[in-house]
Amino acid sequence: MGELSNRTASFTDSVIRRMTRIANQYGAINLSQGFPDFEPPVAITNRLAKVAAEGPHQYALTWGAKNFRDAVAKKYQHFSGLTVDAESEIVVTCGSTEAMMATMMSITNPGDKVVIFSPFYENYGADTILAGAEPIYVPLNPPEFDFDRACLEDAFRQGAKAIIVCNPSNPCGKVFTYDELSFIAELAKKYDAYVVTDEVYEHIVYKPNKHIYMQALPGMRDRTIVCNSLSKTYSITGWRLGYVIANPKIIDRVKKVHDFLTVGAAAPLMEAATVGLSFEDAYYEELAAHYAHMKEVFIGGLRDLDLSFHEPQGAYYVLMDVSEFGVTDDTKFCEWLARYVGVAAVPGSSFFREDVNHFIRLHFAKQDETLYEAIKRLGTLREKVAGAKDVDWR
């Protein structure tokens, strides 16, 4: 038999999804994979019930149903202040995962270089490699998760074709400031590079932090490619509805790549979700308040337990520092945590390019009772660590 792909030889399965399987195996509370345990807005699910009976059930336009794209354009204009042509500047994808993959395949050639901040969502490195490009990792430095500006410019000097900016950031919860984004924008213009933004947590930001749209910065309208999805904003992670917003030249290419990757997003789900894209501002205000409440419940519990963590500025993840337990293998520690403490987390090493083994990522997109139970279980952590024998994570 012939040799398999060298490009994917170093790939593992998704550590995040693996931890969900481990959570299920041991009956642990799943604070690993980032999906909520509460229902989507009733207006969306009610519309889905009608669509199930009435349709559409056949292919929509490859790059997305017109009413859905119109709704995306209207919502984006409302929040960013930018006018978007739904016909020539939007492609609807199967989640933001495909949005990012289609984008990378549209803008890079084999051998091109792409800057990725570390820690990073695990797909970014894989997407870059699958596109034949080479990632250049630039550290975000705890506790503020800021970046060294000279280090970032050095990455651009190496010939970067693009930079990926996740804002707010998964896994560290960083919200980039206007000054930081402006610096990145100036480098992109100076070195003629694209900025690819992942903005799936745009509406989950904690005061006084604010989400700033890179595409709205001076000179960035045409060189910014926005990847986003409805998953987090409307609690429909399983619907896999995402989109790309970019200038017509880029979108024309993304349309073609998307066509051969997935043909198109699910027509009935687009029809139902269009309702959500038309929600009034009150919905987004309530969403932010809801997540702020969940954050306070969870990190308040961690604080009461005197566990070490980095408080997020946005998104719904917490990086907890497990150094006090002598962890040297965070993957095995997370497996032990799920089995013996009953809480599933993601090993931080899966997000860092650097040799980091003392963080685990937990998420708090859960109902209050789920979070209180998770805190109760984490309250037994020190006792169970003290009683553990022959552990393989030290």
Protein backbone atom coordinates (compact mmCIF):
# COMPACT_ATOMS: atom_id res chain seq x y z
CA MET A 1 0.00 0.00 0.00
CA GLY A 2 1.14 3.54 -0.73
CA GLU A 3 2.44 5.97 1.84
CA LEU A 4 -0.13 8.12 3.62
CA SER A 5 -0.04 11.91 3.66
CA ASN A 6 3.07 13.42 5.22
CA ARG A 7 1.16 16.66 5.76
CA THR A 8 -1.17 15.06 8.29
CA ALA A 9 1.23 12.55 9.83
CA SER A 10 1.70 14.65 12.98
CA PHE A 11 -2.04 15.14 13.57
CA THR A 12 -3.75 13.69 16.62
CA ASP A 13 -7.47 13.55 17.22
CA SER A 14 -8.97 16.69 18.73
CA VAL A 15 -8.00 16.77 22.40
CA ILE A 16 -11.12 18.81 23.16
CA ARG A 17 -13.47 16.26 21.62
CA ARG A 18 -11.48 13.42 23.20
CA MET A 19 -12.12 14.92 26.62
CA THR A 20 -15.87 14.89 25.93
CA ARG A 21 -15.64 11.15 25.28
CA ILE A 22 -13.71 10.72 28.54
CA ALA A 23 -16.32 12.81 30.37
CA ASN A 24 -19.04 10.54 29.02
CA GLN A 25 -17.05 7.44 29.97
CA TYR A 26 -16.77 8.47 33.63
CA GLY A 27 -20.00 10.43 34.00
CA ALA A 28 -18.06 13.63 34.65
CA ILE A 29 -19.45 17.13 34.33
CA ASN A 30 -18.28 18.18 30.89
CA LEU A 31 -16.50 21.53 31.24
CA SER A 32 -14.16 20.61 28.40
CA GLN A 33 -15.93 20.97 25.05
CA GLY A 34 -17.52 24.41 24.86
CA PHE A 35 -21.23 23.84 24.45
CA PRO A 36 -24.04 24.88 26.83
CA ASP A 37 -26.49 22.67 28.69
CA PHE A 38 -29.35 25.15 28.22
CA GLU A 39 -31.70 25.56 25.28
CA PRO A 40 -31.46 27.99 22.34
CA PRO A 41 -33.86 30.97 22.17
CA VAL A 42 -37.42 29.69 21.87
CA ALA A 43 -38.10 31.88 18.83
CA ILE A 44 -35.45 29.95 16.89
CA THR A 45 -36.62 26.50 17.97
CA ASN A 46 -40.25 27.40 17.30
CA ARG A 47 -39.31 28.48 13.80
CA LEU A 48 -37.37 25.23 13.33
CA ALA A 49 -40.50 23.24 14.24
CA LYS A 50 -42.42 25.01 11.47
CA VAL A 51 -39.58 24.56 9.00
CA ALA A 52 -39.55 20.83 9.74
CA ALA A 53 -43.08 20.64 8.38
CA GLU A 54 -42.92 23.28 5.66
CA GLY A 55 -39.31 23.20 4.40
CA PRO A 56 -37.04 24.11 2.75
CA HIS A 57 -35.45 20.67 2.69
CA GLN A 58 -33.40 20.82 -0.50
CA TYR A 59 -30.15 22.57 -1.36
CA ALA A 60 -30.01 26.31 -0.83
CA LEU A 61 -27.67 28.42 -2.93
CA THR A 62 -24.17 27.09 -2.42
CA TRP A 63 -22.93 30.23 -0.67
CA GLY A 64 -26.02 30.51 1.53
CA ALA A 65 -29.74 31.26 1.38
CA LYS A 66 -30.37 34.87 0.41
CA ASN A 67 -32.54 35.75 3.41
CA PHE A 68 -29.89 34.33 5.75
CA ARG A 69 -27.08 36.30 4.09
CA ASP A 70 -29.20 39.44 4.13
CA ALA A 71 -29.77 38.97 7.85
CA VAL A 72 -26.04 38.42 8.49
CA ALA A 73 -25.20 41.59 6.54
CA LYS A 74 -27.78 43.64 8.46
CA LYS A 75 -26.61 42.38 11.86
CA TYR A 76 -22.92 42.92 11.02
CA GLN A 77 -23.62 46.46 9.82
CA HIS A 78 -25.54 47.21 13.01
CA PHE A 79 -22.70 46.18 15.31
CA SER A 80 -19.61 47.05 13.24
CA GLY A 81 -20.87 50.13 11.41
CA LEU A 82 -19.74 48.65 8.08
CA THR A 83 -22.00 48.13 5.08
CA VAL A 84 -21.68 44.63 3.64
CA ASP A 85 -22.99 43.42 0.27
CA ALA A 86 -24.79 40.15 1.00
CA GLU A 87 -24.36 39.04 -2.63
CA SER A 88 -20.64 39.58 -3.06
CA GLU A 89 -19.11 39.75 0.43
CA ILE A 90 -20.62 36.84 2.41
CA VAL A 91 -20.32 33.06 2.19
CA VAL A 92 -22.29 30.86 4.58
CA THR A 93 -20.31 27.83 5.77
CA CYS A 94 -20.75 24.71 7.88
CA GLY A 95 -19.66 26.38 11.09
CA SER A 96 -16.75 28.74 11.68
CA THR A 97 -14.47 25.69 11.45
CA GLU A 98 -15.17 25.43 7.74
CA ALA A 99 -15.09 29.23 7.44
CA MET A 100 -11.50 29.22 8.68
CA MET A 101 -10.46 26.25 6.53
CA ALA A 102 -12.01 27.72 3.38
CA THR A 103 -10.33 31.03 4.12
CA MET A 104 -6.88 29.52 4.61
CA MET A 105 -7.19 27.53 1.40
CA SER A 106 -8.29 30.67 -0.44
CA ILE A 107 -5.51 33.05 0.64
CA THR A 108 -2.41 30.89 1.11
CA ASN A 109 -0.14 28.89 -1.15
CA PRO A 110 2.10 25.99 -0.10
CA GLY A 111 5.10 27.45 1.70
CA ASP A 112 3.36 30.65 2.80
CA LYS A 113 3.61 31.60 6.48
CA VAL A 114 0.78 32.41 8.87
CA VAL A 115 1.15 34.06 12.29
CA ILE A 116 -0.81 32.42 15.11
CA PHE A 117 -0.93 33.68 18.68
CA SER A 118 -0.23 31.02 21.34
CA PRO A 119 -2.29 29.84 23.19
CA PHE A 120 -4.62 29.16 20.27
CA TYR A 121 -7.71 27.17 19.37
CA GLU A 122 -6.37 23.85 18.14
CA ASN A 123 -7.83 24.08 14.62
CA TYR A 124 -5.74 27.08 13.58
CA GLY A 125 -2.47 25.20 13.35
CA ALA A 126 -4.13 22.26 11.62
CA ASP A 127 -5.91 24.51 9.11
CA THR A 128 -2.66 26.25 8.25
CA ILE A 129 -0.86 22.94 7.71
CA LEU A 130 -3.75 21.47 5.69
CA ALA A 131 -3.52 24.51 3.41
CA GLY A 132 0.17 23.76 2.90
CA ALA A 133 1.28 26.85 4.80
CA GLU A 134 3.65 27.13 7.75
CA PRO A 135 2.55 28.49 11.14
CA ILE A 136 4.68 31.03 13.03
CA TYR A 137 3.68 31.12 16.69
CA VAL A 138 3.86 34.30 18.77
CA PRO A 139 3.30 33.96 22.53
CA LEU A 140 0.52 35.66 24.45
CA ASN A 141 2.15 36.15 27.84
CA PRO A 142 0.27 35.41 31.09
CA PRO A 143 -1.18 36.84 33.23
CA GLU A 144 -2.44 39.58 30.88
CA PHE A 145 -1.88 37.48 27.74
CA ASP A 146 -0.36 40.46 26.00
CA PHE A 147 2.22 40.12 23.23
CA ASP A 148 5.73 41.40 22.67
CA ARG A 149 5.45 43.87 19.83
CA ALA A 150 8.99 43.33 18.61
CA CYS A 151 8.39 39.57 18.57
CA LEU A 152 5.21 40.03 16.53
CA GLU A 153 6.91 42.28 13.99
CA ASP A 154 9.74 39.78 13.68
CA ALA A 155 7.13 37.17 12.70
CA PHE A 156 5.86 39.49 9.97
CA ARG A 157 9.43 40.09 8.80
CA GLN A 158 9.71 36.38 8.13
CA GLY A 159 7.26 36.86 5.27
CA ALA A 160 3.90 36.21 6.91
CA LYS A 161 1.05 36.10 4.41
CA ALA A 162 -1.59 36.37 7.13
CA ILE A 163 -2.23 36.50 10.86
CA ILE A 164 -5.10 34.81 12.72
CA VAL A 165 -6.63 36.85 15.54
CA CYS A 166 -9.21 35.17 17.79
CA ASN A 167 -11.04 37.97 19.58
CA PRO A 168 -12.24 37.34 22.25
CA SER A 169 -9.68 34.59 22.52
CA ASN A 170 -10.19 30.89 23.07
CA PRO A 171 -8.74 29.54 25.40
CA CYS A 172 -7.43 32.45 27.49
CA GLY A 173 -10.40 34.83 27.28
CA LYS A 174 -8.30 37.79 26.17
CA VAL A 175 -10.11 40.73 24.57
CA PHE A 176 -7.74 42.67 22.35
CA THR A 177 -7.66 46.41 22.96
CA TYR A 178 -8.03 49.07 20.28
CA ASP A 179 -4.33 49.88 20.67
CA GLU A 180 -3.32 46.24 20.22
CA LEU A 181 -5.54 45.75 17.19
CA SER A 182 -4.29 49.00 15.67
CA PHE A 183 -0.70 47.80 16.05
CA ILE A 184 -1.56 44.49 14.36
CA ALA A 185 -3.35 46.42 11.61
CA GLU A 186 -0.33 48.66 10.98
CA LEU A 187 1.91 45.60 10.67
CA ALA A 188 -0.53 43.98 8.25
CA LYS A 189 -0.47 47.09 6.08
CA LYS A 190 3.29 47.51 6.36
CA TYR A 191 4.00 43.91 5.35
CA ASP A 192 1.00 43.54 3.00
CA ALA A 193 -0.61 40.69 4.97
CA TYR A 194 -4.17 39.56 5.57
CA VAL A 195 -5.78 39.57 9.01
CA VAL A 196 -8.11 36.61 9.56
CA THR A 197 -10.37 37.17 12.56
CA ASP A 198 -12.31 34.56 14.51
CA GLU A 199 -15.11 36.52 16.19
CA VAL A 200 -17.43 33.77 17.43
CA TYR A 201 -17.44 35.23 20.97
CA GLU A 202 -18.09 38.84 19.86
CA HIS A 203 -21.14 39.18 22.13
CA ILE A 204 -19.62 37.44 25.17
CA VAL A 205 -17.45 40.22 26.58
CA TYR A 206 -17.21 41.32 30.22
CA LYS A 207 -17.23 44.97 31.26
CA PRO A 208 -15.28 47.21 30.98
CA ASN A 209 -13.84 45.33 27.97
CA LYS A 210 -15.31 45.95 24.53
CA HIS A 211 -15.25 43.99 21.28
CA ILE A 212 -13.64 45.98 18.48
CA TYR A 213 -14.10 44.94 14.87
CA MET A 214 -10.74 44.72 13.11
CA GLN A 215 -12.40 45.25 9.74
CA ALA A 216 -13.65 48.66 10.92
CA LEU A 217 -10.15 49.97 11.66
CA PRO A 218 -8.64 52.49 9.19
CA GLY A 219 -7.34 50.78 6.06
CA MET A 220 -8.47 47.29 7.14
CA ARG A 221 -11.76 46.90 5.29
CA ASP A 222 -10.29 44.99 2.35
CA ARG A 223 -7.47 43.06 4.01
CA THR A 224 -9.53 41.66 6.92
CA ILE A 225 -11.36 38.33 6.55
CA VAL A 226 -14.01 37.74 9.21
CA CYS A 227 -14.84 34.18 10.29
CA ASN A 228 -17.82 33.82 12.57
CA SER A 229 -20.69 31.52 13.48
CA LEU A 230 -24.03 31.42 15.23
CA SER A 231 -22.98 28.60 17.58
CA LYS A 232 -22.10 30.57 20.70
CA THR A 233 -24.35 33.61 20.31
CA TYR A 234 -27.53 31.55 19.94
CA SER A 235 -26.51 28.35 21.79
CA ILE A 236 -26.80 26.19 18.65
CA THR A 237 -23.34 24.63 18.42
CA GLY A 238 -24.77 21.52 16.77
CA TRP A 239 -26.34 23.44 13.90
CA ARG A 240 -22.94 24.21 12.32
CA LEU A 241 -23.83 27.56 10.77
CA GLY A 242 -20.94 29.91 10.10
CA TYR A 243 -19.94 32.55 7.61
CA VAL A 244 -17.07 34.47 6.05
CA ILE A 245 -17.18 38.22 5.41
CA ALA A 246 -14.52 39.71 3.13
CA ASN A 247 -14.04 41.83 0.03
CA PRO A 248 -15.56 40.51 -3.22
CA LYS A 249 -12.26 39.25 -4.67
CA ILE A 250 -11.59 37.08 -1.63
CA ILE A 251 -15.21 35.95 -1.30
CA ASP A 252 -15.28 34.87 -4.94
CA ARG A 253 -12.45 32.45 -4.16
CA VAL A 254 -13.93 31.34 -0.83
CA LYS A 255 -17.22 30.54 -2.59
CA LYS A 256 -15.44 28.12 -4.92
CA VAL A 257 -13.43 26.43 -2.17
CA HIS A 258 -16.52 26.14 0.02
CA ASP A 259 -18.48 24.58 -2.86
CA PHE A 260 -16.00 21.72 -3.09
CA LEU A 261 -15.58 21.32 0.66
CA THR A 262 -19.21 21.00 1.78
CA VAL A 263 -21.46 22.23 -1.09
CA GLY A 264 -23.54 24.24 1.38
CA ALA A 265 -24.91 24.71 4.86
CA ALA A 266 -28.17 23.05 5.93
CA ALA A 267 -31.12 24.83 4.30
CA PRO A 268 -33.72 24.24 7.06
CA LEU A 269 -31.31 25.38 9.76
CA MET A 270 -30.49 28.58 7.89
CA GLU A 271 -34.20 29.29 7.55
CA ALA A 272 -34.82 28.81 11.26
CA ALA A 273 -31.73 30.69 12.42
CA THR A 274 -32.57 33.76 10.36
CA VAL A 275 -35.00 34.64 13.15
CA GLY A 276 -32.13 34.93 15.61
CA LEU A 277 -30.07 37.19 13.39
CA SER A 278 -32.95 39.67 13.53
CA PHE A 279 -33.13 39.88 17.33
CA GLU A 280 -33.18 43.35 18.92
CA ASP A 281 -30.28 44.71 20.99
CA ALA A 282 -31.97 43.56 24.20
CA TYR A 283 -31.18 39.95 23.31
CA TYR A 284 -27.44 40.61 23.13
CA GLU A 285 -27.51 42.66 26.31
CA GLU A 286 -29.27 39.82 28.12
CA LEU A 287 -26.82 37.31 26.63
CA ALA A 288 -23.84 39.29 27.95
CA ALA A 289 -25.49 39.63 31.37
CA HIS A 290 -26.25 35.89 31.46
CA TYR A 291 -22.64 34.97 30.73
CA ALA A 292 -21.36 37.55 33.20
CA HIS A 293 -23.54 35.85 35.83
CA MET A 294 -22.25 32.37 34.93
CA LYS A 295 -18.68 33.65 35.02
CA GLU A 296 -19.15 35.07 38.50
CA VAL A 297 -20.76 31.86 39.76
CA PHE A 298 -17.89 29.76 38.47
CA ILE A 299 -14.84 31.90 39.12
CA GLY A 300 -16.37 32.93 42.43
CA GLY A 301 -16.41 29.26 43.35
CA LEU A 302 -12.81 28.81 42.20
CA ARG A 303 -11.84 31.86 44.24
CA ASP A 304 -13.58 30.51 47.35
CA LEU A 305 -11.63 27.27 46.92
CA ASP A 306 -8.41 29.29 46.63
CA LEU A 307 -7.63 27.68 43.28
CA SER A 308 -5.38 29.61 40.93
CA PHE A 309 -6.86 30.83 37.65
CA HIS A 310 -6.77 33.62 35.08
CA GLU A 311 -9.98 35.61 34.93
CA PRO A 312 -11.27 35.92 31.34
CA GLN A 313 -12.16 39.25 29.72
CA GLY A 314 -14.41 37.55 27.17
CA ALA A 315 -15.59 34.15 25.87
CA TYR A 316 -16.54 31.52 28.46
CA TYR A 317 -13.32 29.73 29.36
CA VAL A 318 -11.04 29.80 32.38
CA LEU A 319 -7.42 28.70 32.40
CA MET A 320 -6.78 27.16 35.81
CA ASP A 321 -3.19 26.82 37.03
CA VAL A 322 -2.61 23.34 38.49
CA SER A 323 1.06 23.87 39.38
CA GLU A 324 0.37 23.32 43.07
CA PHE A 325 -0.44 19.67 42.36
CA GLY A 326 2.91 18.92 40.78
CA VAL A 327 1.41 18.24 37.36
CA THR A 328 3.96 17.49 34.65
CA ASP A 329 1.57 15.72 32.24
CA ASP A 330 -1.62 17.74 31.99
CA THR A 331 -3.32 15.30 29.62
CA LYS A 332 -3.07 12.45 32.10
CA PHE A 333 -4.07 14.82 34.89
CA CYS A 334 -7.26 15.76 33.02
CA GLU A 335 -8.09 12.09 32.52
CA TRP A 336 -7.55 11.51 36.24
CA LEU A 337 -9.65 14.60 37.07
CA ALA A 338 -12.59 13.31 35.03
CA ARG A 339 -12.39 9.85 36.55
CA TYR A 340 -11.78 10.64 40.22
CA VAL A 341 -13.09 14.17 40.72
CA GLY A 342 -15.89 14.02 38.16
CA VAL A 343 -15.06 17.19 36.24
CA ALA A 344 -13.78 17.13 32.66
CA ALA A 345 -11.30 19.80 31.50
CA VAL A 346 -8.98 20.24 28.52
CA PRO A 347 -5.20 20.01 29.03
CA GLY A 348 -3.67 23.42 28.41
CA SER A 349 -0.79 21.94 26.44
CA SER A 350 -3.17 21.36 23.53
CA PHE A 351 -3.45 25.15 23.13
CA PHE A 352 0.15 26.23 23.65
CA ARG A 353 3.02 25.94 21.20
CA GLU A 354 5.36 26.49 24.16
CA ASP A 355 6.15 23.69 26.61
CA VAL A 356 3.29 24.42 29.01
CA ASN A 357 1.83 21.71 31.24
CA HIS A 358 0.42 23.58 34.23
CA PHE A 359 -2.86 24.91 32.81
CA ILE A 360 -6.19 23.21 32.26
CA ARG A 361 -9.12 24.85 30.46
CA LEU A 362 -12.60 24.77 31.98
CA HIS A 363 -15.72 26.39 30.54
CA PHE A 364 -18.74 27.82 32.32
CA ALA A 365 -21.48 27.86 29.65
CA LYS A 366 -23.70 25.86 31.98
CA GLN A 367 -26.78 26.22 34.15
CA ASP A 368 -26.22 27.38 37.71
CA GLU A 369 -26.89 23.96 39.20
CA THR A 370 -24.30 22.40 36.90
CA LEU A 371 -21.70 25.00 37.88
CA TYR A 372 -22.43 24.65 41.60
CA GLU A 373 -22.05 20.87 41.34
CA ALA A 374 -18.78 21.27 39.43
CA ILE A 375 -17.45 23.60 42.13
CA LYS A 376 -18.56 21.13 44.80
CA ARG A 377 -16.60 18.38 43.08
CA LEU A 378 -13.55 20.58 42.58
CA GLY A 379 -13.74 21.25 46.30
CA THR A 380 -12.57 17.65 46.82
CA LEU A 381 -9.58 18.10 44.50
CA ARG A 382 -6.88 18.74 47.08
CA GLU A 383 -8.08 15.87 49.26
CA LYS A 384 -8.14 13.46 46.34
CA VAL A 385 -4.75 14.58 45.09
CA ALA A 386 -3.34 14.05 48.58
CA GLY A 387 -4.80 10.55 48.69
CA ALA A 388 -3.76 9.60 45.14
CA LYS A 389 -1.10 6.95 44.82
CA ASP A 390 1.04 5.98 41.86
CA VAL A 391 -0.40 8.73 39.66
CA ASP A 392 1.16 9.06 36.23
CA TRP A 393 0.77 12.81 35.83
CA ARG A 394 3.59 13.95 38.12
